Amino acid sequence: MAKGTLEVDAFSRDDQTKLATGKLLTIDNQIDQTTGTGRLKAVFDNKDNALWPNQFVNARLLLETRKNSTTVPAAAIQRGPRGTYVFAVKSDNTVDVRDVAVSFTQDNVCVIASGISPNDVVVTDGQDKLQQGSKIETRPAAPEPSNRMQGAMDPGVSGGSAPRTGAQ
């Protein structure tokens, strides 16, 4: 907020419908213990009367834009004794275990700080059957839902989320 007023997008309870866009005024520093939510105060034009006082909405704020980030589906991230890792697919259709550092996760997308490059293909299904060097069979990816990160990541750079792979 030090750099200016933040834009707020208000979404319905099911997080599917954008109700309005406004400007953030204040953030309440207390968390409601019963719902685990915080309160924001924002100003909306509300020309179509989609909002009413004290309505529960999901608010989204764009805090920063990270360009040229490597992203993978959250389903690709595995956790083990050494931390987070993915199964990267090699050219001979075998997998390589790669330790990765996850910067953050939002919805079903993870931003990777290190461990894989944007052109790497990662396994998103059947990892429980894999180990280093396992042979796999690739199949086309299911259509991805729209990027709900709202500019927080560059959707043109992905860590192999296009081809979907699974264990034999």
N, C-alpha and C. Protein backbone atom coordinates (compact mmCIF):
# COMPACT_ATOMS: atom_id res chain seq x y z
N MET A 1 0.82 -1.19 0.00
CA MET A 1 0.00 0.00 0.00
C MET A 1 0.86 1.25 0.00
N ALA A 2 2.15 1.09 0.32
CA ALA A 2 3.04 2.24 0.33
C ALA A 2 3.24 2.80 -1.07
N LYS A 3 3.05 1.94 -2.09
CA LYS A 3 3.25 2.37 -3.47
C LYS A 3 1.98 2.89 -4.12
N GLY A 4 0.88 2.92 -3.38
CA GLY A 4 -0.38 3.39 -3.93
C GLY A 4 -1.54 2.52 -3.50
N THR A 5 -2.72 2.87 -3.97
CA THR A 5 -3.93 2.14 -3.63
C THR A 5 -3.97 0.80 -4.36
N LEU A 6 -4.34 -0.23 -3.63
CA LEU A 6 -4.47 -1.56 -4.22
C LEU A 6 -5.86 -1.77 -4.78
N GLU A 7 -5.92 -2.44 -5.94
CA GLU A 7 -7.20 -2.80 -6.54
C GLU A 7 -7.68 -4.09 -5.90
N VAL A 8 -8.97 -4.18 -5.61
CA VAL A 8 -9.57 -5.35 -4.98
C VAL A 8 -10.62 -5.92 -5.93
N ASP A 9 -10.55 -7.21 -6.17
CA ASP A 9 -11.59 -7.91 -6.92
C ASP A 9 -12.40 -8.72 -5.92
N ALA A 10 -13.71 -8.52 -5.92
CA ALA A 10 -14.61 -9.26 -5.03
C ALA A 10 -15.25 -10.40 -5.82
N PHE A 11 -15.13 -11.62 -5.27
CA PHE A 11 -15.70 -12.81 -5.90
C PHE A 11 -16.76 -13.41 -4.99
N SER A 12 -17.68 -14.16 -5.59
CA SER A 12 -18.75 -14.82 -4.85
C SER A 12 -18.17 -15.84 -3.87
N ARG A 13 -19.01 -16.34 -2.97
CA ARG A 13 -18.57 -17.32 -1.97
C ARG A 13 -17.92 -18.55 -2.59
N ASP A 14 -18.42 -18.99 -3.76
CA ASP A 14 -17.84 -20.16 -4.41
C ASP A 14 -16.61 -19.81 -5.24
N ASP A 15 -16.21 -18.57 -5.22
CA ASP A 15 -14.99 -18.09 -5.88
C ASP A 15 -15.05 -18.23 -7.40
N GLN A 16 -16.25 -18.31 -7.97
CA GLN A 16 -16.41 -18.51 -9.41
C GLN A 16 -16.82 -17.24 -10.15
N THR A 17 -17.56 -16.36 -9.49
CA THR A 17 -18.12 -15.19 -10.15
C THR A 17 -17.49 -13.91 -9.61
N LYS A 18 -16.93 -13.12 -10.52
CA LYS A 18 -16.39 -11.81 -10.11
C LYS A 18 -17.56 -10.86 -9.98
N LEU A 19 -17.72 -10.29 -8.79
CA LEU A 19 -18.84 -9.42 -8.50
C LEU A 19 -18.54 -7.95 -8.78
N ALA A 20 -17.32 -7.52 -8.42
CA ALA A 20 -16.99 -6.10 -8.59
C ALA A 20 -15.49 -5.88 -8.42
N THR A 21 -15.05 -4.73 -8.86
CA THR A 21 -13.66 -4.29 -8.67
C THR A 21 -13.70 -2.94 -7.97
N GLY A 22 -12.85 -2.80 -6.95
CA GLY A 22 -12.81 -1.55 -6.20
C GLY A 22 -11.41 -1.24 -5.71
N LYS A 23 -11.34 -0.33 -4.75
CA LYS A 23 -10.06 0.11 -4.19
C LYS A 23 -10.02 -0.20 -2.69
N LEU A 24 -8.90 -0.75 -2.24
CA LEU A 24 -8.73 -1.10 -0.82
C LEU A 24 -8.53 0.15 0.03
N LEU A 25 -9.27 0.22 1.15
CA LEU A 25 -9.10 1.32 2.10
C LEU A 25 -8.28 0.91 3.30
N THR A 26 -8.71 -0.16 3.99
CA THR A 26 -8.01 -0.61 5.19
C THR A 26 -8.04 -2.13 5.31
N ILE A 27 -7.14 -2.64 6.13
CA ILE A 27 -7.09 -4.07 6.45
C ILE A 27 -7.22 -4.19 7.96
N ASP A 28 -8.18 -5.00 8.42
CA ASP A 28 -8.35 -5.25 9.84
C ASP A 28 -7.25 -6.21 10.28
N ASN A 29 -6.59 -5.91 11.38
CA ASN A 29 -5.46 -6.74 11.82
C ASN A 29 -5.89 -7.92 12.70
N GLN A 30 -7.19 -8.16 12.84
CA GLN A 30 -7.67 -9.29 13.62
C GLN A 30 -8.27 -10.35 12.71
N ILE A 31 -8.01 -11.60 13.03
CA ILE A 31 -8.57 -12.73 12.29
C ILE A 31 -9.79 -13.23 13.05
N ASP A 32 -10.89 -13.45 12.35
CA ASP A 32 -12.08 -14.02 12.95
C ASP A 32 -11.79 -15.49 13.24
N GLN A 33 -11.75 -15.87 14.51
CA GLN A 33 -11.39 -17.22 14.92
C GLN A 33 -12.40 -18.27 14.48
N THR A 34 -13.65 -17.88 14.29
CA THR A 34 -14.68 -18.86 13.91
C THR A 34 -14.60 -19.22 12.43
N THR A 35 -14.16 -18.29 11.59
CA THR A 35 -14.12 -18.55 10.14
C THR A 35 -12.70 -18.60 9.59
N GLY A 36 -11.73 -18.11 10.35
CA GLY A 36 -10.36 -18.07 9.86
C GLY A 36 -10.15 -17.02 8.77
N THR A 37 -10.99 -16.02 8.77
CA THR A 37 -10.91 -14.99 7.73
C THR A 37 -10.53 -13.64 8.32
N GLY A 38 -10.07 -12.78 7.45
CA GLY A 38 -9.77 -11.41 7.83
C GLY A 38 -10.76 -10.48 7.15
N ARG A 39 -10.81 -9.25 7.64
CA ARG A 39 -11.72 -8.29 7.05
C ARG A 39 -10.94 -7.19 6.36
N LEU A 40 -11.45 -6.82 5.20
CA LEU A 40 -10.90 -5.71 4.43
C LEU A 40 -12.01 -4.68 4.26
N LYS A 41 -11.62 -3.43 4.15
CA LYS A 41 -12.60 -2.41 3.82
C LYS A 41 -12.18 -1.83 2.48
N ALA A 42 -13.11 -1.89 1.53
CA ALA A 42 -12.83 -1.40 0.18
C ALA A 42 -14.02 -0.59 -0.31
N VAL A 43 -13.78 0.22 -1.31
CA VAL A 43 -14.83 1.04 -1.91
C VAL A 43 -15.10 0.51 -3.32
N PHE A 44 -16.38 0.26 -3.63
CA PHE A 44 -16.80 -0.24 -4.93
C PHE A 44 -17.86 0.70 -5.49
N ASP A 45 -17.88 0.88 -6.80
CA ASP A 45 -18.93 1.66 -7.44
C ASP A 45 -20.28 0.98 -7.27
N ASN A 46 -20.33 -0.33 -7.44
CA ASN A 46 -21.52 -1.16 -7.23
C ASN A 46 -22.72 -0.68 -8.05
N LYS A 47 -22.47 -0.31 -9.29
CA LYS A 47 -23.53 0.20 -10.17
C LYS A 47 -24.62 -0.83 -10.44
N ASP A 48 -24.27 -2.12 -10.43
CA ASP A 48 -25.26 -3.17 -10.71
C ASP A 48 -25.82 -3.80 -9.43
N ASN A 49 -25.52 -3.22 -8.27
CA ASN A 49 -26.03 -3.69 -6.98
C ASN A 49 -25.69 -5.16 -6.70
N ALA A 50 -24.52 -5.59 -7.09
CA ALA A 50 -24.08 -6.97 -6.86
C ALA A 50 -23.60 -7.16 -5.43
N LEU A 51 -23.28 -6.08 -4.73
CA LEU A 51 -22.76 -6.15 -3.36
C LEU A 51 -23.73 -5.47 -2.39
N TRP A 52 -23.71 -5.95 -1.11
CA TRP A 52 -24.48 -5.29 -0.08
C TRP A 52 -23.65 -5.26 1.20
N PRO A 53 -23.97 -4.39 2.13
CA PRO A 53 -23.15 -4.25 3.36
C PRO A 53 -22.98 -5.56 4.11
N ASN A 54 -21.76 -5.79 4.59
CA ASN A 54 -21.39 -6.97 5.38
C ASN A 54 -21.53 -8.29 4.63
N GLN A 55 -21.61 -8.25 3.32
CA GLN A 55 -21.67 -9.48 2.52
C GLN A 55 -20.32 -10.18 2.59
N PHE A 56 -20.35 -11.51 2.71
CA PHE A 56 -19.12 -12.31 2.70
C PHE A 56 -18.71 -12.54 1.25
N VAL A 57 -17.51 -12.07 0.89
CA VAL A 57 -16.98 -12.29 -0.46
C VAL A 57 -15.53 -12.74 -0.33
N ASN A 58 -15.02 -13.33 -1.39
CA ASN A 58 -13.61 -13.65 -1.48
C ASN A 58 -12.94 -12.49 -2.19
N ALA A 59 -11.96 -11.89 -1.52
CA ALA A 59 -11.27 -10.73 -2.09
C ALA A 59 -9.90 -11.16 -2.61
N ARG A 60 -9.55 -10.62 -3.75
CA ARG A 60 -8.23 -10.87 -4.33
C ARG A 60 -7.53 -9.55 -4.56
N LEU A 61 -6.27 -9.53 -4.13
CA LEU A 61 -5.43 -8.35 -4.29
C LEU A 61 -4.20 -8.74 -5.08
N LEU A 62 -3.85 -7.99 -6.08
CA LEU A 62 -2.63 -8.23 -6.82
C LEU A 62 -1.52 -7.46 -6.11
N LEU A 63 -0.64 -8.19 -5.42
CA LEU A 63 0.41 -7.56 -4.64
C LEU A 63 1.68 -7.36 -5.44
N GLU A 64 1.98 -8.29 -6.34
CA GLU A 64 3.17 -8.16 -7.17
C GLU A 64 3.01 -9.00 -8.42
N THR A 65 3.79 -8.69 -9.41
CA THR A 65 3.81 -9.46 -10.64
C THR A 65 5.19 -10.08 -10.77
N ARG A 66 5.22 -11.37 -10.95
CA ARG A 66 6.49 -12.09 -11.12
C ARG A 66 6.57 -12.56 -12.57
N LYS A 67 7.38 -11.92 -13.32
CA LYS A 67 7.53 -12.27 -14.74
C LYS A 67 8.57 -13.38 -14.89
N ASN A 68 8.40 -14.14 -15.96
CA ASN A 68 9.34 -15.22 -16.32
C ASN A 68 9.53 -16.23 -15.19
N SER A 69 8.46 -16.53 -14.49
CA SER A 69 8.51 -17.54 -13.43
C SER A 69 8.28 -18.92 -14.02
N THR A 70 8.94 -19.91 -13.46
CA THR A 70 8.70 -21.29 -13.84
C THR A 70 7.56 -21.80 -12.97
N THR A 71 6.51 -22.32 -13.60
CA THR A 71 5.36 -22.81 -12.86
C THR A 71 5.11 -24.28 -13.19
N VAL A 72 4.55 -24.98 -12.23
CA VAL A 72 4.13 -26.37 -12.42
C VAL A 72 2.79 -26.56 -11.72
N PRO A 73 2.01 -27.54 -12.16
CA PRO A 73 0.78 -27.85 -11.42
C PRO A 73 1.14 -28.31 -10.00
N ALA A 74 0.34 -27.94 -9.04
CA ALA A 74 0.60 -28.34 -7.65
C ALA A 74 0.65 -29.85 -7.51
N ALA A 75 -0.05 -30.58 -8.38
CA ALA A 75 -0.06 -32.05 -8.33
C ALA A 75 1.32 -32.64 -8.61
N ALA A 76 2.21 -31.89 -9.23
CA ALA A 76 3.55 -32.39 -9.53
C ALA A 76 4.46 -32.38 -8.31
N ILE A 77 4.17 -31.55 -7.34
CA ILE A 77 5.04 -31.38 -6.17
C ILE A 77 4.85 -32.54 -5.20
N GLN A 78 5.97 -33.16 -4.85
CA GLN A 78 5.99 -34.26 -3.88
C GLN A 78 6.78 -33.80 -2.64
N ARG A 79 6.48 -34.39 -1.51
CA ARG A 79 7.18 -34.05 -0.28
C ARG A 79 7.81 -35.31 0.31
N GLY A 80 9.06 -35.17 0.71
CA GLY A 80 9.78 -36.30 1.28
C GLY A 80 10.68 -35.85 2.41
N PRO A 81 11.49 -36.75 2.94
CA PRO A 81 12.37 -36.43 4.07
C PRO A 81 13.36 -35.31 3.75
N ARG A 82 13.73 -35.18 2.46
CA ARG A 82 14.70 -34.14 2.08
C ARG A 82 14.03 -32.84 1.65
N GLY A 83 12.70 -32.81 1.64
CA GLY A 83 11.98 -31.61 1.23
C GLY A 83 11.11 -31.86 0.01
N THR A 84 10.89 -30.81 -0.77
CA THR A 84 10.02 -30.92 -1.93
C THR A 84 10.81 -31.35 -3.17
N TYR A 85 10.14 -32.14 -4.02
CA TYR A 85 10.78 -32.63 -5.23
C TYR A 85 9.73 -32.90 -6.29
N VAL A 86 10.18 -33.06 -7.53
CA VAL A 86 9.32 -33.46 -8.64
C VAL A 86 9.99 -34.59 -9.40
N PHE A 87 9.22 -35.31 -10.17
CA PHE A 87 9.76 -36.29 -11.10
C PHE A 87 9.81 -35.60 -12.46
N ALA A 88 11.02 -35.34 -12.95
CA ALA A 88 11.20 -34.72 -14.26
C ALA A 88 11.40 -35.82 -15.29
N VAL A 89 10.78 -35.65 -16.45
CA VAL A 89 10.84 -36.66 -17.51
C VAL A 89 12.06 -36.39 -18.39
N LYS A 90 12.88 -37.43 -18.57
CA LYS A 90 14.06 -37.32 -19.44
C LYS A 90 13.67 -37.73 -20.86
N SER A 91 14.55 -37.48 -21.81
CA SER A 91 14.27 -37.75 -23.23
C SER A 91 14.01 -39.23 -23.52
N ASP A 92 14.52 -40.13 -22.70
CA ASP A 92 14.30 -41.56 -22.92
C ASP A 92 13.06 -42.10 -22.18
N ASN A 93 12.18 -41.18 -21.77
CA ASN A 93 10.93 -41.50 -21.05
C ASN A 93 11.17 -42.20 -19.72
N THR A 94 12.27 -41.85 -19.06
CA THR A 94 12.49 -42.26 -17.68
C THR A 94 12.44 -41.00 -16.84
N VAL A 95 12.31 -41.18 -15.53
CA VAL A 95 12.19 -40.01 -14.66
C VAL A 95 13.45 -39.79 -13.83
N ASP A 96 13.64 -38.53 -13.52
CA ASP A 96 14.75 -38.09 -12.69
C ASP A 96 14.15 -37.37 -11.49
N VAL A 97 14.54 -37.74 -10.28
CA VAL A 97 14.05 -37.06 -9.09
C VAL A 97 14.82 -35.75 -8.94
N ARG A 98 14.10 -34.63 -8.90
CA ARG A 98 14.73 -33.32 -8.78
C ARG A 98 14.20 -32.60 -7.56
N ASP A 99 15.12 -32.21 -6.69
CA ASP A 99 14.74 -31.38 -5.55
C ASP A 99 14.39 -30.00 -6.09
N VAL A 100 13.28 -29.43 -5.61
CA VAL A 100 12.85 -28.10 -6.05
C VAL A 100 12.57 -27.23 -4.84
N ALA A 101 12.74 -25.94 -5.04
CA ALA A 101 12.35 -24.95 -4.03
C ALA A 101 11.11 -24.26 -4.54
N VAL A 102 10.01 -24.38 -3.81
CA VAL A 102 8.75 -23.76 -4.18
C VAL A 102 8.68 -22.38 -3.56
N SER A 103 8.52 -21.35 -4.40
CA SER A 103 8.39 -19.98 -3.90
C SER A 103 7.06 -19.78 -3.22
N PHE A 104 5.98 -20.10 -3.93
CA PHE A 104 4.64 -20.04 -3.35
C PHE A 104 3.68 -20.84 -4.21
N THR A 105 2.55 -21.14 -3.61
CA THR A 105 1.49 -21.88 -4.30
C THR A 105 0.21 -21.09 -4.18
N GLN A 106 -0.50 -20.97 -5.30
CA GLN A 106 -1.81 -20.36 -5.27
C GLN A 106 -2.73 -21.18 -6.14
N ASP A 107 -3.90 -21.50 -5.60
CA ASP A 107 -4.84 -22.39 -6.27
C ASP A 107 -4.11 -23.70 -6.58
N ASN A 108 -4.00 -24.09 -7.81
CA ASN A 108 -3.35 -25.35 -8.17
C ASN A 108 -2.07 -25.14 -8.95
N VAL A 109 -1.42 -24.01 -8.73
CA VAL A 109 -0.19 -23.68 -9.46
C VAL A 109 0.91 -23.33 -8.46
N CYS A 110 2.11 -23.89 -8.68
CA CYS A 110 3.27 -23.60 -7.83
C CYS A 110 4.31 -22.84 -8.65
N VAL A 111 4.89 -21.83 -8.04
CA VAL A 111 6.01 -21.12 -8.64
C VAL A 111 7.29 -21.74 -8.09
N ILE A 112 8.18 -22.13 -9.00
CA ILE A 112 9.41 -22.83 -8.62
C ILE A 112 10.58 -21.85 -8.64
N ALA A 113 11.29 -21.76 -7.52
CA ALA A 113 12.45 -20.87 -7.42
C ALA A 113 13.70 -21.52 -8.01
N SER A 114 13.85 -22.83 -7.80
CA SER A 114 15.02 -23.53 -8.33
C SER A 114 14.76 -25.03 -8.38
N GLY A 115 15.53 -25.71 -9.23
CA GLY A 115 15.45 -27.16 -9.30
C GLY A 115 15.05 -27.68 -10.67
N ILE A 116 14.24 -26.93 -11.40
CA ILE A 116 13.87 -27.31 -12.76
C ILE A 116 13.88 -26.06 -13.64
N SER A 117 13.93 -26.29 -14.94
CA SER A 117 13.90 -25.17 -15.88
C SER A 117 12.54 -25.14 -16.58
N PRO A 118 12.22 -24.02 -17.24
CA PRO A 118 10.91 -23.89 -17.87
C PRO A 118 10.59 -24.96 -18.92
N ASN A 119 11.59 -25.55 -19.55
CA ASN A 119 11.33 -26.54 -20.59
C ASN A 119 11.21 -27.97 -20.06
N ASP A 120 11.43 -28.18 -18.78
CA ASP A 120 11.32 -29.52 -18.21
C ASP A 120 9.86 -29.97 -18.17
N VAL A 121 9.65 -31.25 -18.38
CA VAL A 121 8.33 -31.86 -18.28
C VAL A 121 8.30 -32.61 -16.95
N VAL A 122 7.21 -32.41 -16.20
CA VAL A 122 7.10 -33.05 -14.89
C VAL A 122 5.91 -34.00 -14.84
N VAL A 123 6.00 -34.98 -13.96
CA VAL A 123 4.93 -35.96 -13.78
C VAL A 123 3.88 -35.38 -12.84
N THR A 124 2.60 -35.49 -13.24
CA THR A 124 1.52 -34.96 -12.41
C THR A 124 0.56 -36.04 -11.92
N ASP A 125 0.81 -37.30 -12.30
CA ASP A 125 -0.12 -38.37 -11.93
C ASP A 125 0.65 -39.68 -11.77
N GLY A 126 0.34 -40.44 -10.75
CA GLY A 126 0.95 -41.76 -10.56
C GLY A 126 2.33 -41.75 -9.95
N GLN A 127 2.70 -40.67 -9.26
CA GLN A 127 4.04 -40.58 -8.68
C GLN A 127 4.29 -41.62 -7.60
N ASP A 128 3.24 -42.14 -6.99
CA ASP A 128 3.43 -43.13 -5.92
C ASP A 128 4.05 -44.42 -6.44
N LYS A 129 4.03 -44.63 -7.76
CA LYS A 129 4.60 -45.84 -8.35
C LYS A 129 6.00 -45.61 -8.90
N LEU A 130 6.53 -44.41 -8.74
CA LEU A 130 7.80 -44.06 -9.38
C LEU A 130 8.97 -44.05 -8.41
N GLN A 131 10.14 -44.24 -8.99
CA GLN A 131 11.40 -44.03 -8.30
C GLN A 131 12.40 -43.57 -9.37
N GLN A 132 13.58 -43.19 -8.95
CA GLN A 132 14.61 -42.72 -9.88
C GLN A 132 14.80 -43.72 -11.02
N GLY A 133 14.70 -43.25 -12.26
CA GLY A 133 14.94 -44.09 -13.43
C GLY A 133 13.75 -44.89 -13.92
N SER A 134 12.59 -44.77 -13.27
CA SER A 134 11.40 -45.51 -13.72
C SER A 134 11.03 -45.10 -15.13
N LYS A 135 10.58 -46.08 -15.91
CA LYS A 135 10.10 -45.83 -17.27
C LYS A 135 8.64 -45.40 -17.20
N ILE A 136 8.28 -44.37 -17.97
CA ILE A 136 6.90 -43.88 -17.95
C ILE A 136 6.34 -43.79 -19.36
N GLU A 137 5.04 -43.59 -19.42
CA GLU A 137 4.35 -43.36 -20.68
C GLU A 137 3.68 -42.00 -20.59
N THR A 138 3.93 -41.13 -21.55
CA THR A 138 3.32 -39.80 -21.51
C THR A 138 1.99 -39.81 -22.24
N ARG A 139 1.14 -38.90 -21.84
CA ARG A 139 -0.14 -38.71 -22.51
C ARG A 139 -0.45 -37.22 -22.53
N PRO A 140 -1.29 -36.77 -23.46
CA PRO A 140 -1.56 -35.34 -23.55
C PRO A 140 -2.22 -34.80 -22.28
N ALA A 141 -1.94 -33.56 -22.01
CA ALA A 141 -2.50 -32.92 -20.83
C ALA A 141 -3.97 -32.60 -21.05
N ALA A 142 -4.72 -32.66 -19.95
CA ALA A 142 -6.11 -32.20 -20.00
C ALA A 142 -6.08 -30.69 -20.14
N PRO A 143 -7.09 -30.09 -20.74
CA PRO A 143 -7.11 -28.62 -20.86
C PRO A 143 -7.03 -27.99 -19.48
N GLU A 144 -6.16 -27.00 -19.37
CA GLU A 144 -5.99 -26.33 -18.08
C GLU A 144 -7.06 -25.28 -17.89
N PRO A 145 -7.55 -25.09 -16.65
CA PRO A 145 -8.48 -24.01 -16.39
C PRO A 145 -7.77 -22.68 -16.56
N SER A 146 -8.55 -21.63 -16.69
CA SER A 146 -7.95 -20.30 -16.88
C SER A 146 -7.04 -19.97 -15.72
N ASN A 147 -6.01 -19.20 -16.02
CA ASN A 147 -5.03 -18.82 -14.99
C ASN A 147 -5.69 -17.84 -14.03
N ARG A 148 -5.94 -18.27 -12.80
CA ARG A 148 -6.60 -17.41 -11.82
C ARG A 148 -5.61 -16.61 -11.01
N MET A 149 -4.35 -16.63 -11.40
CA MET A 149 -3.36 -15.88 -10.66
C MET A 149 -3.46 -14.39 -10.97
N GLN A 150 -4.22 -14.01 -11.96
CA GLN A 150 -4.45 -12.63 -12.34
C GLN A 150 -3.16 -11.85 -12.50
N GLY A 151 -2.31 -12.34 -13.36
CA GLY A 151 -1.09 -11.61 -13.67
C GLY A 151 0.04 -11.84 -12.70
N ALA A 152 -0.16 -12.65 -11.68
CA ALA A 152 0.90 -12.88 -10.71
C ALA A 152 2.01 -13.74 -11.29
N MET A 153 1.70 -14.45 -12.36
CA MET A 153 2.71 -15.26 -13.02
C MET A 153 2.54 -15.10 -14.52
N ASP A 154 3.61 -15.27 -15.24
CA ASP A 154 3.55 -15.21 -16.69
C ASP A 154 3.11 -16.57 -17.19
N PRO A 155 1.86 -16.71 -17.71
CA PRO A 155 1.39 -18.02 -18.12
C PRO A 155 2.13 -18.58 -19.32
N GLY A 156 2.93 -17.77 -20.00
CA GLY A 156 3.68 -18.25 -21.15
C GLY A 156 4.88 -19.09 -20.78
N VAL A 157 5.31 -19.04 -19.54
CA VAL A 157 6.47 -19.81 -19.10
C VAL A 157 5.98 -20.83 -18.08
N SER A 158 6.09 -22.10 -18.42
CA SER A 158 5.62 -23.11 -17.47
C SER A 158 6.65 -24.21 -17.37
N GLY A 159 6.70 -24.80 -16.23
CA GLY A 159 7.65 -25.88 -15.98
C GLY A 159 7.10 -27.21 -16.44
N GLY A 160 6.78 -27.28 -17.68
CA GLY A 160 6.35 -28.56 -18.23
C GLY A 160 4.94 -28.95 -17.86
N SER A 161 4.09 -27.98 -17.59
CA SER A 161 2.74 -28.34 -17.20
C SER A 161 1.90 -28.75 -18.41
N ALA A 162 2.36 -28.52 -19.61
CA ALA A 162 1.58 -28.88 -20.79
C ALA A 162 1.51 -30.40 -20.98
N PRO A 163 2.63 -31.12 -21.12
CA PRO A 163 2.49 -32.56 -21.25
C PRO A 163 2.22 -33.17 -19.90
N ARG A 164 1.24 -34.03 -19.84
CA ARG A 164 0.91 -34.72 -18.62
C ARG A 164 1.50 -36.11 -18.66
N THR A 165 2.01 -36.56 -17.57
CA THR A 165 2.62 -37.87 -17.58
C THR A 165 2.10 -38.70 -16.43
N GLY A 166 2.21 -39.99 -16.58
CA GLY A 166 1.80 -40.88 -15.51
C GLY A 166 2.64 -42.13 -15.51
N ALA A 167 2.67 -42.79 -14.40
CA ALA A 167 3.48 -44.01 -14.30
C ALA A 167 2.79 -45.15 -15.01
N GLN A 168 3.60 -46.07 -15.57
CA GLN A 168 3.05 -47.26 -16.23
C GLN A 168 2.53 -48.23 -15.21
